[in-house]
N, C-alpha and C. Protein backbone atom coordinates (compact mmCIF):
# COMPACT_ATOMS: atom_id res chain seq x y z
N UNK A 1 16.05 -2.11 19.28
CA UNK A 1 15.77 -1.46 18.13
C UNK A 1 14.55 -0.88 17.92
N UNK A 2 14.32 -0.04 17.43
CA UNK A 2 13.14 0.74 17.18
C UNK A 2 12.27 0.59 15.78
N UNK A 3 11.16 0.18 16.05
CA UNK A 3 10.21 0.01 14.72
C UNK A 3 9.26 1.29 14.54
N UNK A 4 9.32 1.83 13.37
CA UNK A 4 8.46 2.94 13.14
C UNK A 4 7.42 2.52 12.22
N UNK A 5 6.27 3.11 12.43
CA UNK A 5 4.95 2.86 11.43
C UNK A 5 4.56 4.41 11.25
N UNK A 6 4.65 4.61 9.86
CA UNK A 6 4.04 5.78 9.34
C UNK A 6 2.67 5.70 8.92
N UNK A 7 1.71 6.58 9.38
CA UNK A 7 0.48 6.57 8.89
C UNK A 7 0.09 7.98 8.55
N UNK A 8 -0.56 8.17 7.45
CA UNK A 8 -0.89 9.42 6.88
C UNK A 8 -2.28 9.92 7.34
N UNK A 9 -2.51 10.45 8.49
CA UNK A 9 -3.81 10.94 9.04
C UNK A 9 -5.02 9.97 8.87
N UNK A 10 -4.55 8.64 9.16
CA UNK A 10 -5.69 7.61 9.16
C UNK A 10 -5.95 7.31 10.40
N UNK A 11 -5.02 7.35 11.34
CA UNK A 11 -5.17 6.89 12.73
C UNK A 11 -6.05 7.82 13.44
N UNK A 12 -7.12 7.56 13.95
CA UNK A 12 -7.95 8.46 14.75
C UNK A 12 -7.34 8.68 16.24
N UNK A 13 -7.85 9.92 16.81
CA UNK A 13 -7.13 10.07 18.17
C UNK A 13 -7.34 9.16 19.00
N UNK A 14 -8.63 8.50 18.97
CA UNK A 14 -9.07 7.39 19.87
C UNK A 14 -7.99 6.19 19.70
N UNK A 15 -7.90 5.76 18.47
CA UNK A 15 -6.65 4.62 18.22
C UNK A 15 -5.47 4.99 18.84
N UNK A 16 -5.00 6.28 18.71
CA UNK A 16 -3.83 6.83 19.16
C UNK A 16 -3.69 6.55 20.76
N UNK A 17 -4.67 6.83 21.42
CA UNK A 17 -4.84 6.93 22.93
C UNK A 17 -4.81 5.38 23.31
N UNK A 18 -5.65 4.54 22.56
CA UNK A 18 -5.60 3.05 22.96
C UNK A 18 -4.48 2.50 22.63
N UNK A 19 -3.73 2.96 21.57
CA UNK A 19 -2.37 2.36 21.20
C UNK A 19 -1.42 2.90 22.30
N UNK A 20 -1.39 3.95 22.85
CA UNK A 20 -0.42 4.18 23.58
C UNK A 20 -0.71 4.03 25.07
N UNK A 21 -1.97 3.85 25.29
CA UNK A 21 -2.36 3.29 26.63
C UNK A 21 -1.99 1.83 26.66
N UNK A 22 -2.37 1.04 25.88
CA UNK A 22 -2.12 -0.49 25.65
C UNK A 22 -0.64 -0.93 25.52
N UNK A 23 0.08 -0.11 25.11
CA UNK A 23 1.39 -0.39 24.88
C UNK A 23 2.38 0.63 25.62
N UNK A 24 2.93 0.54 26.61
CA UNK A 24 3.67 1.52 27.45
C UNK A 24 4.82 2.07 26.63
N UNK A 25 5.65 1.32 25.85
CA UNK A 25 6.67 1.98 25.35
C UNK A 25 6.43 2.54 23.99
N UNK A 26 5.12 2.72 23.64
CA UNK A 26 4.75 3.46 22.46
C UNK A 26 4.79 4.98 22.71
N UNK A 27 5.21 5.51 21.72
CA UNK A 27 5.26 7.09 21.81
C UNK A 27 4.54 7.58 20.58
N UNK A 28 3.34 8.45 20.72
CA UNK A 28 2.59 8.98 19.62
C UNK A 28 3.07 10.51 19.49
N UNK A 29 3.42 10.85 18.29
CA UNK A 29 3.86 12.38 18.05
C UNK A 29 3.12 12.79 16.75
N UNK A 30 2.51 13.84 16.88
CA UNK A 30 1.94 14.48 15.68
C UNK A 30 3.04 15.54 15.25
N UNK A 31 3.71 15.17 14.33
CA UNK A 31 4.70 16.01 13.80
C UNK A 31 4.35 17.02 12.72
N UNK A 32 5.40 17.81 12.22
CA UNK A 32 5.35 18.73 11.18
C UNK A 32 5.74 17.81 9.91
N UNK A 33 5.46 16.58 9.79
CA UNK A 33 5.98 15.66 8.60
C UNK A 33 4.60 15.95 7.76
N UNK A 34 4.45 17.02 7.35
CA UNK A 34 3.22 17.03 6.46
C UNK A 34 1.96 16.43 6.89
N UNK A 35 1.61 16.58 8.06
CA UNK A 35 0.51 16.00 8.70
C UNK A 35 0.37 14.59 8.93
N UNK A 36 1.42 14.12 8.92
CA UNK A 36 1.55 12.46 9.24
C UNK A 36 1.80 12.23 10.83
N UNK A 37 1.32 11.17 11.12
CA UNK A 37 1.36 10.65 12.69
C UNK A 37 2.52 9.81 12.53
N UNK A 38 3.39 9.83 13.66
CA UNK A 38 4.48 8.97 13.76
C UNK A 38 4.26 8.14 14.87
N UNK A 39 4.24 6.95 14.88
CA UNK A 39 4.16 6.00 16.00
C UNK A 39 5.46 5.25 16.16
N UNK A 40 6.24 5.31 17.30
CA UNK A 40 7.60 4.81 17.50
C UNK A 40 7.40 3.67 18.68
N UNK A 41 7.64 2.31 18.40
CA UNK A 41 7.37 1.48 19.36
C UNK A 41 8.85 0.71 19.81
N UNK A 42 9.26 1.25 20.83
CA UNK A 42 10.46 0.51 21.26
C UNK A 42 10.70 -0.95 21.19
N UNK A 43 9.54 -1.64 21.86
CA UNK A 43 9.75 -3.13 21.61
C UNK A 43 8.25 -3.67 21.42
N UNK A 44 7.91 -3.86 19.96
CA UNK A 44 6.64 -4.32 19.66
C UNK A 44 6.21 -5.44 20.45
N UNK A 45 4.82 -5.51 20.62
CA UNK A 45 4.25 -6.80 21.36
C UNK A 45 4.60 -7.95 20.63
N UNK A 46 4.96 -9.02 21.09
CA UNK A 46 5.09 -10.30 20.45
C UNK A 46 3.90 -11.18 20.83
N UNK A 47 3.27 -11.68 20.09
CA UNK A 47 2.09 -12.61 20.23
C UNK A 47 2.55 -13.95 20.76
N UNK A 48 1.91 -14.34 21.68
CA UNK A 48 2.55 -15.93 22.29
C UNK A 48 1.87 -16.79 21.28
N UNK A 49 2.14 -18.20 21.22
CA UNK A 49 1.57 -19.21 20.49
C UNK A 49 0.28 -19.50 20.90
N UNK A 50 -0.04 -19.47 22.22
CA UNK A 50 -1.19 -19.76 22.82
C UNK A 50 -2.38 -18.66 22.36
N UNK A 51 -1.96 -17.42 22.38
CA UNK A 51 -2.76 -16.29 21.85
C UNK A 51 -3.19 -16.52 20.45
N UNK A 52 -2.12 -16.88 19.75
CA UNK A 52 -2.14 -17.11 18.33
C UNK A 52 -3.34 -18.01 18.01
N UNK A 53 -3.03 -19.23 18.58
CA UNK A 53 -4.15 -20.27 18.45
C UNK A 53 -5.51 -20.00 18.66
N UNK A 54 -5.62 -19.33 19.72
CA UNK A 54 -7.03 -19.06 20.25
C UNK A 54 -7.77 -17.96 19.29
N UNK A 55 -6.80 -16.97 18.58
CA UNK A 55 -7.56 -15.95 17.67
C UNK A 55 -7.78 -16.57 16.22
N UNK A 56 -6.99 -17.58 15.72
CA UNK A 56 -6.91 -18.02 14.48
C UNK A 56 -8.38 -18.91 14.16
N UNK A 57 -9.50 -18.17 13.99
CA UNK A 57 -10.76 -18.69 13.86
C UNK A 57 -11.72 -17.67 13.24
N UNK A 58 -12.87 -18.09 12.64
CA UNK A 58 -13.67 -17.13 12.25
C UNK A 58 -14.52 -16.51 13.19
N UNK A 59 -14.72 -15.37 13.16
CA UNK A 59 -15.84 -14.68 14.40
C UNK A 59 -17.13 -14.14 13.74
N UNK A 60 -18.36 -14.53 14.12
CA UNK A 60 -19.72 -14.07 13.61
C UNK A 60 -19.71 -12.66 14.39
N UNK A 61 -19.93 -11.77 13.66
CA UNK A 61 -20.06 -10.21 13.79
C UNK A 61 -21.42 -9.76 14.14
N UNK A 62 -21.79 -8.75 14.73
CA UNK A 62 -23.06 -8.29 14.93
C UNK A 62 -23.85 -7.65 13.77
N UNK A 63 -23.05 -7.46 12.61
CA UNK A 63 -23.44 -6.91 11.31
C UNK A 63 -23.83 -8.06 10.39
N UNK A 64 -23.52 -9.44 10.77
CA UNK A 64 -23.83 -10.43 10.00
C UNK A 64 -22.82 -11.09 9.18
N UNK A 65 -21.61 -10.37 9.23
CA UNK A 65 -20.44 -10.67 8.64
C UNK A 65 -19.61 -11.59 9.53
N UNK A 66 -18.58 -12.19 8.80
CA UNK A 66 -17.55 -12.83 9.63
C UNK A 66 -16.15 -12.31 9.55
N UNK A 67 -15.37 -12.26 10.62
CA UNK A 67 -14.09 -11.86 10.60
C UNK A 67 -13.20 -13.03 10.63
N UNK A 68 -12.32 -13.14 9.79
CA UNK A 68 -11.47 -14.41 9.51
C UNK A 68 -10.16 -14.03 9.84
N UNK A 69 -9.39 -14.49 10.70
CA UNK A 69 -7.95 -14.11 11.15
C UNK A 69 -7.20 -15.45 11.03
N UNK A 70 -5.99 -14.98 10.43
CA UNK A 70 -4.98 -16.00 10.12
C UNK A 70 -3.49 -15.51 10.61
N UNK A 71 -2.77 -16.12 10.91
CA UNK A 71 -1.36 -15.92 11.06
C UNK A 71 -0.41 -16.49 10.04
N UNK A 72 0.81 -15.79 9.56
CA UNK A 72 1.54 -16.30 8.77
C UNK A 72 2.78 -15.65 8.88
N UNK A 73 3.91 -16.20 9.17
CA UNK A 73 5.42 -15.99 9.44
C UNK A 73 5.25 -14.75 10.53
N UNK A 74 4.83 -15.03 11.70
CA UNK A 74 4.69 -14.16 12.81
C UNK A 74 3.86 -12.92 12.53
N UNK A 75 2.94 -12.73 11.49
CA UNK A 75 2.30 -11.65 11.18
C UNK A 75 0.74 -12.10 11.07
N UNK A 76 -0.01 -11.27 11.52
CA UNK A 76 -1.53 -11.60 11.58
C UNK A 76 -2.26 -10.81 10.44
N UNK A 77 -3.25 -11.38 10.04
CA UNK A 77 -4.12 -10.78 8.75
C UNK A 77 -5.54 -11.02 9.26
N UNK A 78 -6.28 -10.11 8.75
CA UNK A 78 -7.77 -10.30 8.94
C UNK A 78 -8.57 -9.91 7.77
N UNK A 79 -9.70 -10.46 7.46
CA UNK A 79 -10.63 -10.03 6.26
C UNK A 79 -11.98 -10.46 6.75
N UNK A 80 -12.91 -9.64 6.17
CA UNK A 80 -14.23 -9.65 6.52
C UNK A 80 -14.76 -10.55 5.34
N UNK A 81 -15.84 -11.54 5.62
CA UNK A 81 -16.58 -12.46 4.80
C UNK A 81 -17.91 -12.32 5.08
N UNK A 82 -18.89 -12.65 4.07
CA UNK A 82 -20.34 -13.00 4.19
C UNK A 82 -20.49 -14.31 4.87
N UNK A 83 -21.51 -14.54 5.72
CA UNK A 83 -21.75 -15.63 6.25
C UNK A 83 -21.80 -16.86 5.48
N UNK A 84 -22.87 -16.76 4.46
CA UNK A 84 -23.06 -17.88 3.65
C UNK A 84 -22.03 -18.35 2.57
N UNK A 85 -21.17 -17.31 2.30
CA UNK A 85 -20.22 -17.68 1.57
C UNK A 85 -18.93 -17.14 1.74
N UNK A 86 -17.90 -17.95 1.91
CA UNK A 86 -16.56 -17.31 2.26
C UNK A 86 -15.91 -16.71 1.40
N UNK A 87 -16.62 -15.79 0.36
CA UNK A 87 -15.81 -14.97 -0.64
C UNK A 87 -14.91 -14.04 -0.08
N UNK A 88 -13.77 -14.11 -0.40
CA UNK A 88 -12.65 -13.26 0.09
C UNK A 88 -12.78 -11.81 -0.22
N UNK A 89 -12.66 -11.09 0.97
CA UNK A 89 -12.46 -9.49 0.88
C UNK A 89 -11.09 -9.20 0.98
N UNK A 90 -10.63 -8.05 0.74
CA UNK A 90 -9.19 -7.55 1.05
C UNK A 90 -8.71 -7.85 2.47
N UNK A 91 -7.57 -8.40 2.35
CA UNK A 91 -6.94 -8.98 3.74
C UNK A 91 -6.29 -7.52 4.31
N UNK A 92 -6.15 -7.46 5.46
CA UNK A 92 -5.47 -6.30 6.21
C UNK A 92 -4.59 -6.92 7.14
N UNK A 93 -3.48 -6.30 7.39
CA UNK A 93 -2.38 -6.70 8.38
C UNK A 93 -2.95 -6.22 9.65
N UNK A 94 -2.82 -6.95 10.81
CA UNK A 94 -2.96 -6.74 12.21
C UNK A 94 -1.61 -6.42 12.82
N UNK A 95 -1.57 -5.51 13.44
CA UNK A 95 -0.27 -5.07 14.20
C UNK A 95 -0.61 -5.21 15.84
N UNK A 96 0.09 -6.08 16.41
CA UNK A 96 0.09 -6.36 17.76
C UNK A 96 0.45 -5.06 18.52
N UNK A 97 -0.33 -4.63 19.56
CA UNK A 97 0.05 -3.49 20.50
C UNK A 97 0.24 -4.10 21.91
N UNK A 98 -0.48 -5.00 22.22
CA UNK A 98 -0.81 -5.36 23.72
C UNK A 98 -1.30 -6.87 23.76
N UNK A 99 -1.42 -7.63 24.70
CA UNK A 99 -1.96 -9.03 24.62
C UNK A 99 -3.50 -8.86 24.19
N UNK A 100 -3.74 -9.44 23.11
CA UNK A 100 -5.26 -9.40 22.62
C UNK A 100 -5.68 -8.21 21.86
N UNK A 101 -4.67 -7.05 21.74
CA UNK A 101 -4.98 -6.00 21.13
C UNK A 101 -4.25 -5.70 19.84
N UNK A 102 -4.98 -5.34 18.69
CA UNK A 102 -4.27 -5.19 17.34
C UNK A 102 -4.89 -3.91 16.82
N UNK A 103 -4.19 -3.45 15.95
CA UNK A 103 -4.50 -2.04 15.28
C UNK A 103 -4.15 -2.38 13.65
N UNK A 104 -4.93 -1.78 12.62
CA UNK A 104 -4.84 -1.93 11.43
C UNK A 104 -4.12 -0.82 10.98
N UNK A 105 -3.36 -0.47 9.60
CA UNK A 105 -2.85 0.63 9.36
C UNK A 105 -3.81 1.72 8.94
N UNK A 106 -5.13 1.28 8.68
CA UNK A 106 -5.97 2.53 8.41
C UNK A 106 -6.74 2.84 9.57
N UNK A 107 -6.43 2.36 11.06
CA UNK A 107 -6.85 2.81 12.13
C UNK A 107 -8.10 2.08 12.83
N UNK A 108 -8.41 0.84 12.36
CA UNK A 108 -9.28 0.06 12.94
C UNK A 108 -8.70 -0.64 14.07
N UNK A 109 -9.17 -0.82 15.31
CA UNK A 109 -8.61 -1.54 16.48
C UNK A 109 -9.45 -2.74 16.75
N UNK A 110 -8.82 -3.72 17.01
CA UNK A 110 -9.26 -5.13 17.49
C UNK A 110 -8.97 -5.41 18.71
N UNK A 111 -9.77 -5.88 19.75
CA UNK A 111 -9.61 -6.20 20.86
C UNK A 111 -10.21 -7.86 21.07
N UNK A 112 -9.39 -8.90 21.30
CA UNK A 112 -9.60 -10.04 21.39
C UNK A 112 -9.91 -10.40 22.94
N UNK A 113 -11.12 -10.82 23.36
CA UNK A 113 -11.39 -10.97 24.89
C UNK A 113 -11.67 -12.41 24.98
N UNK A 114 -11.72 -12.73 26.39
CA UNK A 114 -12.07 -14.03 26.82
C UNK A 114 -11.48 -15.18 26.24
N UNK A 115 -10.23 -15.06 26.11
CA UNK A 115 -9.21 -15.88 25.70
C UNK A 115 -9.32 -16.34 24.30
N UNK A 116 -9.69 -15.19 23.47
CA UNK A 116 -9.95 -15.16 22.02
C UNK A 116 -11.24 -15.63 21.44
N UNK A 117 -12.21 -15.90 22.43
CA UNK A 117 -13.61 -16.32 22.21
C UNK A 117 -14.25 -15.12 21.55
N UNK A 118 -14.01 -13.91 21.99
CA UNK A 118 -14.80 -12.62 21.53
C UNK A 118 -13.89 -11.87 20.86
N UNK A 119 -14.52 -10.87 19.95
CA UNK A 119 -13.71 -9.83 19.43
C UNK A 119 -14.53 -8.58 19.38
N UNK A 120 -13.96 -7.38 19.64
CA UNK A 120 -14.57 -6.23 19.57
C UNK A 120 -13.82 -5.27 18.67
N UNK A 121 -14.53 -4.89 17.63
CA UNK A 121 -13.58 -4.09 16.58
C UNK A 121 -14.39 -2.56 16.50
N UNK A 122 -13.48 -1.63 16.86
CA UNK A 122 -13.74 -0.14 16.91
C UNK A 122 -13.39 0.44 15.54
N UNK A 123 -14.03 1.45 15.07
CA UNK A 123 -13.71 2.10 13.97
C UNK A 123 -13.60 1.08 12.68
N UNK A 124 -14.71 0.31 12.57
CA UNK A 124 -14.87 -0.90 11.72
C UNK A 124 -15.06 -0.26 10.47
N UNK A 125 -15.45 0.70 10.23
CA UNK A 125 -15.76 1.49 9.15
C UNK A 125 -14.52 1.44 8.25
N UNK A 126 -13.33 1.43 8.72
CA UNK A 126 -12.05 1.39 8.22
C UNK A 126 -11.47 0.19 7.48
N UNK A 127 -12.15 -0.95 7.75
CA UNK A 127 -12.17 -2.35 7.12
C UNK A 127 -12.71 -2.48 5.72
N UNK A 128 -11.98 -3.01 4.80
CA UNK A 128 -12.32 -3.03 3.48
C UNK A 128 -13.45 -4.15 3.50
N UNK A 129 -14.55 -3.86 2.68
CA UNK A 129 -15.65 -5.06 2.56
C UNK A 129 -16.70 -4.72 3.64
N UNK A 130 -16.65 -3.84 4.47
CA UNK A 130 -17.48 -3.89 5.42
C UNK A 130 -19.12 -3.67 5.04
N UNK A 131 -19.93 -4.47 5.46
CA UNK A 131 -21.34 -4.26 5.18
C UNK A 131 -21.90 -3.45 6.47
N UNK A 132 -22.78 -2.36 6.29
CA UNK A 132 -23.29 -1.64 7.33
C UNK A 132 -24.24 -2.41 8.04
N UNK A 133 -23.94 -2.11 9.76
CA UNK A 133 -24.85 -2.72 10.52
C UNK A 133 -26.49 -2.30 10.30
N UNK A 134 -27.41 -3.05 10.58
CA UNK A 134 -28.69 -2.67 10.75
C UNK A 134 -28.98 -1.30 11.00
N UNK A 135 -29.50 -0.48 10.41
CA UNK A 135 -29.92 0.87 10.75
C UNK A 135 -28.68 2.00 10.63
N UNK A 136 -27.66 1.65 10.10
CA UNK A 136 -26.51 2.53 9.61
C UNK A 136 -26.33 2.38 8.30
N UNK A 137 -25.91 3.53 7.57
CA UNK A 137 -25.41 3.50 6.24
C UNK A 137 -24.04 4.04 6.30
N UNK A 138 -23.23 3.46 5.25
CA UNK A 138 -21.88 3.60 5.03
C UNK A 138 -21.81 4.85 4.12
N UNK A 139 -21.19 5.90 4.47
CA UNK A 139 -21.07 6.92 3.55
C UNK A 139 -19.57 7.10 2.99
N UNK A 140 -19.53 7.69 1.87
CA UNK A 140 -17.93 7.92 1.67
C UNK A 140 -17.39 9.46 1.65
N UNK A 141 -18.14 9.97 2.69
CA UNK A 141 -17.77 11.37 3.17
C UNK A 141 -16.85 11.75 4.02
N UNK A 142 -16.05 10.38 4.73
CA UNK A 142 -14.94 10.58 5.59
C UNK A 142 -15.46 11.13 6.82
N UNK A 143 -16.84 11.52 7.03
CA UNK A 143 -17.30 12.14 8.20
C UNK A 143 -18.24 11.30 8.95
N UNK A 144 -18.33 10.02 8.68
CA UNK A 144 -19.24 9.10 9.31
C UNK A 144 -18.77 8.80 10.59
N UNK A 145 -19.88 8.39 11.47
CA UNK A 145 -19.69 8.06 12.95
C UNK A 145 -18.86 6.79 12.99
N UNK A 146 -18.15 6.56 13.86
CA UNK A 146 -17.47 5.32 14.27
C UNK A 146 -18.40 4.11 14.36
N UNK A 147 -17.93 3.01 13.82
CA UNK A 147 -18.76 1.88 13.94
C UNK A 147 -18.24 0.85 14.78
N UNK A 148 -18.85 0.18 15.74
CA UNK A 148 -18.20 -0.75 16.58
C UNK A 148 -18.96 -1.94 16.49
N UNK A 149 -18.33 -2.97 16.14
CA UNK A 149 -18.83 -4.59 15.81
C UNK A 149 -18.35 -5.41 17.06
N UNK A 150 -19.15 -6.31 17.26
CA UNK A 150 -18.83 -7.18 18.43
C UNK A 150 -19.21 -8.68 18.01
N UNK A 151 -18.32 -9.73 18.35
CA UNK A 151 -18.74 -11.09 17.89
C UNK A 151 -19.76 -11.56 18.79
N UNK A 152 -20.58 -12.52 18.36
CA UNK A 152 -21.59 -12.97 19.29
C UNK A 152 -21.17 -14.28 19.61
């Protein structure tokens, strides 16, 4: 059975390449569907129970925030929080593409490494509630440089 995810010009080319490279059965097509990108996954990656247990924890990120990951009904969600206060920001759904690899609907990609002990987030500017890393400013121009965050 085929699962289709429709994303309206939000998935950057790097995320498409990572998605298609990480998931062999994935096909990315830029169609004439009014500028939409269509991703067709023949067999979506199923996260194992061991992987899920290793990822469900808060990760201290290089910008001083926490990434909190949780699972509910075979689906994964992540949200950014401030270190001293676990005030909730908007939660986003994380779509598994390969072992330890996830992508959000807005195009941020997360790679859980070292058995879930470390996470690398590419295009973190696409996550709600992101605070800019030291020396970088967040602009609402849409033309900002990609932000990479790494857990400590």
